Amino acid sequence: MARAESPGQERRAAARKDDVIQVRAMASTKALLIRAAAMRGQKLSEFMLESARREAENALLDQRSFFLDDECHAAFVAMLDAPSAPPEKLKELMRRKPAWDR
């Protein structure tokens, strides 16, 4: 008969890490990482993984080059060239008298 897992056990099982990343580093770099991890109250592996993940996400979000086929490029340029109307809320705000002029 199978045992039912508690919700906590299910979450831990779902969050189980199943891959390994190995890194070689100079002793001075490792010491620096250990100090920084300790300062944040983290284990070295937690600190390294969190830092690497954050940098990876930033690198991907900061990507400045993208490529479009001719049709998509034309549509993109048309959107950039099209005049835009300011939102109604902005027009309202600009019509208001500033507080210092009241």
N, C-alpha and C. Protein backbone atom coordinates (compact mmCIF):
# COMPACT_ATOMS: atom_id res chain seq x y z
N MET A 1 0.84 -1.18 0.00
CA MET A 1 0.00 0.00 0.00
C MET A 1 0.89 1.25 0.00
N ALA A 2 0.65 2.18 -0.90
CA ALA A 2 1.47 3.39 -1.03
C ALA A 2 1.10 4.39 0.05
N ARG A 3 2.13 5.05 0.59
CA ARG A 3 1.90 6.08 1.60
C ARG A 3 1.61 7.40 0.91
N ALA A 4 0.68 8.15 1.48
CA ALA A 4 0.39 9.49 0.95
C ALA A 4 1.42 10.45 1.51
N GLU A 5 1.97 11.30 0.66
CA GLU A 5 2.94 12.29 1.12
C GLU A 5 2.22 13.53 1.59
N SER A 6 2.80 14.17 2.60
CA SER A 6 2.23 15.43 3.08
C SER A 6 2.54 16.51 2.06
N PRO A 7 1.80 17.64 2.10
CA PRO A 7 2.09 18.73 1.15
C PRO A 7 3.54 19.21 1.24
N GLY A 8 4.11 19.23 2.45
CA GLY A 8 5.51 19.66 2.60
C GLY A 8 6.47 18.71 1.91
N GLN A 9 6.20 17.41 2.04
CA GLN A 9 7.05 16.42 1.39
C GLN A 9 6.94 16.51 -0.13
N GLU A 10 5.73 16.79 -0.62
CA GLU A 10 5.53 16.94 -2.07
C GLU A 10 6.32 18.13 -2.60
N ARG A 11 6.28 19.25 -1.85
CA ARG A 11 7.02 20.44 -2.29
C ARG A 11 8.52 20.17 -2.32
N ARG A 12 9.03 19.51 -1.26
CA ARG A 12 10.46 19.22 -1.22
C ARG A 12 10.85 18.29 -2.36
N ALA A 13 10.01 17.33 -2.67
CA ALA A 13 10.30 16.40 -3.77
C ALA A 13 10.31 17.14 -5.09
N ALA A 14 9.38 18.08 -5.26
CA ALA A 14 9.31 18.85 -6.51
C ALA A 14 10.51 19.77 -6.65
N ALA A 15 11.07 20.25 -5.51
CA ALA A 15 12.18 21.19 -5.56
C ALA A 15 13.53 20.50 -5.51
N ARG A 16 13.56 19.19 -5.51
CA ARG A 16 14.81 18.44 -5.43
C ARG A 16 15.72 18.80 -6.59
N LYS A 17 16.97 19.00 -6.26
CA LYS A 17 17.95 19.34 -7.30
C LYS A 17 18.54 18.04 -7.83
N ASP A 18 18.60 17.91 -9.14
CA ASP A 18 19.07 16.65 -9.70
C ASP A 18 20.22 16.82 -10.69
N ASP A 19 20.85 17.97 -10.70
CA ASP A 19 21.97 18.17 -11.61
C ASP A 19 23.13 18.78 -10.84
N VAL A 20 24.33 18.59 -11.34
CA VAL A 20 25.53 19.06 -10.66
C VAL A 20 26.28 20.01 -11.58
N ILE A 21 26.78 21.11 -10.99
CA ILE A 21 27.64 22.04 -11.71
C ILE A 21 28.96 22.07 -10.95
N GLN A 22 30.06 21.80 -11.64
CA GLN A 22 31.37 21.82 -10.99
C GLN A 22 32.17 22.98 -11.56
N VAL A 23 32.91 23.65 -10.67
CA VAL A 23 33.70 24.80 -11.07
C VAL A 23 35.07 24.72 -10.40
N ARG A 24 36.10 24.98 -11.16
CA ARG A 24 37.44 25.09 -10.58
C ARG A 24 37.74 26.58 -10.42
N ALA A 25 38.33 26.92 -9.28
CA ALA A 25 38.62 28.33 -9.01
C ALA A 25 39.91 28.44 -8.22
N MET A 26 40.50 29.63 -8.28
CA MET A 26 41.68 29.91 -7.47
C MET A 26 41.26 29.98 -6.00
N ALA A 27 42.18 29.67 -5.10
CA ALA A 27 41.88 29.69 -3.67
C ALA A 27 41.41 31.06 -3.22
N SER A 28 41.99 32.11 -3.78
CA SER A 28 41.59 33.47 -3.38
C SER A 28 40.15 33.77 -3.80
N THR A 29 39.76 33.26 -4.95
CA THR A 29 38.37 33.46 -5.41
C THR A 29 37.41 32.70 -4.52
N LYS A 30 37.77 31.47 -4.17
CA LYS A 30 36.92 30.67 -3.28
C LYS A 30 36.78 31.36 -1.93
N ALA A 31 37.87 31.89 -1.40
CA ALA A 31 37.82 32.57 -0.10
C ALA A 31 36.91 33.79 -0.17
N LEU A 32 36.99 34.52 -1.24
CA LEU A 32 36.13 35.69 -1.43
C LEU A 32 34.66 35.28 -1.46
N LEU A 33 34.36 34.23 -2.21
CA LEU A 33 32.98 33.74 -2.31
C LEU A 33 32.47 33.24 -0.96
N ILE A 34 33.31 32.56 -0.21
CA ILE A 34 32.91 32.07 1.11
C ILE A 34 32.60 33.23 2.04
N ARG A 35 33.44 34.27 2.02
CA ARG A 35 33.19 35.46 2.86
C ARG A 35 31.88 36.13 2.49
N ALA A 36 31.64 36.28 1.20
CA ALA A 36 30.40 36.94 0.74
C ALA A 36 29.18 36.10 1.11
N ALA A 37 29.28 34.79 0.95
CA ALA A 37 28.16 33.91 1.30
C ALA A 37 27.87 33.99 2.79
N ALA A 38 28.92 33.97 3.60
CA ALA A 38 28.75 34.06 5.06
C ALA A 38 28.10 35.37 5.45
N MET A 39 28.49 36.44 4.78
CA MET A 39 27.92 37.75 5.07
C MET A 39 26.40 37.74 4.84
N ARG A 40 25.96 36.98 3.86
CA ARG A 40 24.52 36.89 3.55
C ARG A 40 23.84 35.74 4.29
N GLY A 41 24.59 35.01 5.09
CA GLY A 41 24.00 33.89 5.83
C GLY A 41 23.64 32.73 4.93
N GLN A 42 24.41 32.53 3.88
CA GLN A 42 24.13 31.45 2.93
C GLN A 42 25.29 30.46 2.89
N LYS A 43 24.99 29.26 2.43
CA LYS A 43 26.05 28.30 2.13
C LYS A 43 26.71 28.76 0.84
N LEU A 44 27.95 28.33 0.64
CA LEU A 44 28.68 28.71 -0.56
C LEU A 44 27.92 28.33 -1.83
N SER A 45 27.41 27.11 -1.88
CA SER A 45 26.72 26.67 -3.10
C SER A 45 25.46 27.49 -3.35
N GLU A 46 24.72 27.83 -2.28
CA GLU A 46 23.52 28.66 -2.43
C GLU A 46 23.88 30.03 -2.99
N PHE A 47 24.93 30.62 -2.41
CA PHE A 47 25.37 31.95 -2.84
C PHE A 47 25.80 31.93 -4.30
N MET A 48 26.61 30.94 -4.66
CA MET A 48 27.11 30.87 -6.03
C MET A 48 25.98 30.66 -7.03
N LEU A 49 25.06 29.75 -6.72
CA LEU A 49 23.98 29.46 -7.64
C LEU A 49 23.05 30.65 -7.79
N GLU A 50 22.72 31.29 -6.67
CA GLU A 50 21.84 32.47 -6.72
C GLU A 50 22.49 33.60 -7.52
N SER A 51 23.78 33.84 -7.26
CA SER A 51 24.50 34.91 -7.97
C SER A 51 24.61 34.61 -9.46
N ALA A 52 24.95 33.37 -9.79
CA ALA A 52 25.08 33.00 -11.20
C ALA A 52 23.75 33.08 -11.92
N ARG A 53 22.69 32.64 -11.25
CA ARG A 53 21.36 32.69 -11.88
C ARG A 53 20.94 34.14 -12.13
N ARG A 54 21.17 35.01 -11.13
CA ARG A 54 20.81 36.42 -11.29
C ARG A 54 21.58 37.04 -12.46
N GLU A 55 22.86 36.75 -12.56
CA GLU A 55 23.67 37.29 -13.66
C GLU A 55 23.22 36.73 -15.01
N ALA A 56 22.85 35.46 -15.04
CA ALA A 56 22.37 34.86 -16.29
C ALA A 56 21.07 35.52 -16.74
N GLU A 57 20.17 35.74 -15.79
CA GLU A 57 18.90 36.41 -16.13
C GLU A 57 19.16 37.82 -16.63
N ASN A 58 20.06 38.55 -15.96
CA ASN A 58 20.39 39.91 -16.40
C ASN A 58 21.02 39.91 -17.78
N ALA A 59 21.89 38.96 -18.04
CA ALA A 59 22.53 38.88 -19.36
C ALA A 59 21.49 38.66 -20.45
N LEU A 60 20.53 37.80 -20.18
CA LEU A 60 19.49 37.54 -21.17
C LEU A 60 18.54 38.72 -21.32
N LEU A 61 18.22 39.38 -20.21
CA LEU A 61 17.33 40.54 -20.27
C LEU A 61 18.01 41.74 -20.93
N ASP A 62 19.34 41.78 -20.82
CA ASP A 62 20.09 42.91 -21.34
C ASP A 62 20.48 42.73 -22.80
N GLN A 63 20.00 41.67 -23.41
CA GLN A 63 20.35 41.41 -24.80
C GLN A 63 19.88 42.57 -25.66
N ARG A 64 20.78 43.14 -26.41
CA ARG A 64 20.45 44.32 -27.20
C ARG A 64 20.27 44.01 -28.68
N SER A 65 20.70 42.88 -29.10
CA SER A 65 20.58 42.51 -30.52
C SER A 65 19.45 41.51 -30.68
N PHE A 66 18.62 41.76 -31.65
CA PHE A 66 17.60 40.78 -31.99
C PHE A 66 17.44 40.80 -33.50
N PHE A 67 16.97 39.71 -34.04
CA PHE A 67 16.92 39.56 -35.48
C PHE A 67 15.50 39.28 -35.93
N LEU A 68 15.09 39.95 -37.00
CA LEU A 68 13.74 39.79 -37.54
C LEU A 68 13.83 39.47 -39.02
N ASP A 69 12.86 38.71 -39.50
CA ASP A 69 12.80 38.50 -40.94
C ASP A 69 12.27 39.79 -41.57
N ASP A 70 12.27 39.87 -42.90
CA ASP A 70 11.90 41.12 -43.58
C ASP A 70 10.50 41.60 -43.22
N GLU A 71 9.56 40.69 -43.15
CA GLU A 71 8.17 41.07 -42.85
C GLU A 71 8.05 41.63 -41.42
N CYS A 72 8.64 40.95 -40.47
CA CYS A 72 8.59 41.42 -39.08
C CYS A 72 9.35 42.74 -38.92
N HIS A 73 10.47 42.87 -39.62
CA HIS A 73 11.25 44.11 -39.54
C HIS A 73 10.43 45.28 -40.06
N ALA A 74 9.74 45.09 -41.17
CA ALA A 74 8.91 46.16 -41.74
C ALA A 74 7.80 46.55 -40.77
N ALA A 75 7.17 45.56 -40.14
CA ALA A 75 6.11 45.86 -39.17
C ALA A 75 6.68 46.59 -37.96
N PHE A 76 7.85 46.19 -37.51
CA PHE A 76 8.50 46.83 -36.36
C PHE A 76 8.83 48.28 -36.67
N VAL A 77 9.42 48.53 -37.84
CA VAL A 77 9.77 49.90 -38.24
C VAL A 77 8.52 50.75 -38.39
N ALA A 78 7.46 50.17 -38.93
CA ALA A 78 6.20 50.91 -39.08
C ALA A 78 5.66 51.33 -37.72
N MET A 79 5.75 50.45 -36.74
CA MET A 79 5.28 50.80 -35.38
C MET A 79 6.13 51.91 -34.79
N LEU A 80 7.44 51.85 -35.02
CA LEU A 80 8.33 52.90 -34.50
C LEU A 80 8.06 54.25 -35.17
N ASP A 81 7.77 54.21 -36.46
CA ASP A 81 7.55 55.44 -37.21
C ASP A 81 6.16 56.03 -37.02
N ALA A 82 5.22 55.23 -36.58
CA ALA A 82 3.84 55.71 -36.42
C ALA A 82 3.76 56.73 -35.29
N PRO A 83 3.03 57.83 -35.54
CA PRO A 83 2.88 58.81 -34.46
C PRO A 83 2.07 58.20 -33.32
N SER A 84 2.43 58.57 -32.12
CA SER A 84 1.68 58.05 -30.98
C SER A 84 0.96 59.20 -30.29
N ALA A 85 -0.21 58.91 -29.83
CA ALA A 85 -1.00 59.91 -29.12
C ALA A 85 -0.76 59.72 -27.63
N PRO A 86 -0.64 60.81 -26.89
CA PRO A 86 -0.44 60.66 -25.45
C PRO A 86 -1.70 60.07 -24.81
N PRO A 87 -1.54 59.30 -23.77
CA PRO A 87 -2.70 58.73 -23.09
C PRO A 87 -3.58 59.83 -22.50
N GLU A 88 -4.86 59.56 -22.39
CA GLU A 88 -5.82 60.55 -21.89
C GLU A 88 -5.44 61.04 -20.50
N LYS A 89 -4.97 60.16 -19.64
CA LYS A 89 -4.58 60.55 -18.28
C LYS A 89 -3.44 61.56 -18.31
N LEU A 90 -2.51 61.41 -19.24
CA LEU A 90 -1.42 62.36 -19.35
C LEU A 90 -1.93 63.71 -19.83
N LYS A 91 -2.85 63.70 -20.78
CA LYS A 91 -3.45 64.97 -21.25
C LYS A 91 -4.14 65.68 -20.09
N GLU A 92 -4.89 64.92 -19.29
CA GLU A 92 -5.57 65.49 -18.12
C GLU A 92 -4.57 66.13 -17.17
N LEU A 93 -3.52 65.42 -16.89
CA LEU A 93 -2.50 65.91 -15.97
C LEU A 93 -1.87 67.20 -16.49
N MET A 94 -1.60 67.27 -17.77
CA MET A 94 -0.96 68.45 -18.35
C MET A 94 -1.90 69.65 -18.38
N ARG A 95 -3.21 69.42 -18.37
CA ARG A 95 -4.17 70.53 -18.35
C ARG A 95 -4.34 71.13 -16.96
N ARG A 96 -3.99 70.36 -15.93
CA ARG A 96 -4.15 70.84 -14.56
C ARG A 96 -3.18 71.96 -14.24
N LYS A 97 -3.63 72.85 -13.40
CA LYS A 97 -2.77 73.94 -12.93
C LYS A 97 -1.84 73.36 -11.86
N PRO A 98 -0.54 73.65 -11.93
CA PRO A 98 0.39 73.12 -10.93
C PRO A 98 0.04 73.64 -9.53
N ALA A 99 0.37 72.87 -8.51
CA ALA A 99 0.07 73.24 -7.13
C ALA A 99 0.71 74.57 -6.75
N TRP A 100 1.89 74.87 -7.28
CA TRP A 100 2.56 76.11 -6.91
C TRP A 100 1.96 77.35 -7.59
N ASP A 101 1.08 77.13 -8.58
CA ASP A 101 0.41 78.26 -9.24
C ASP A 101 -1.01 78.48 -8.71
N ARG A 102 -1.45 77.69 -7.77
CA ARG A 102 -2.83 77.82 -7.26
C ARG A 102 -2.94 78.89 -6.23
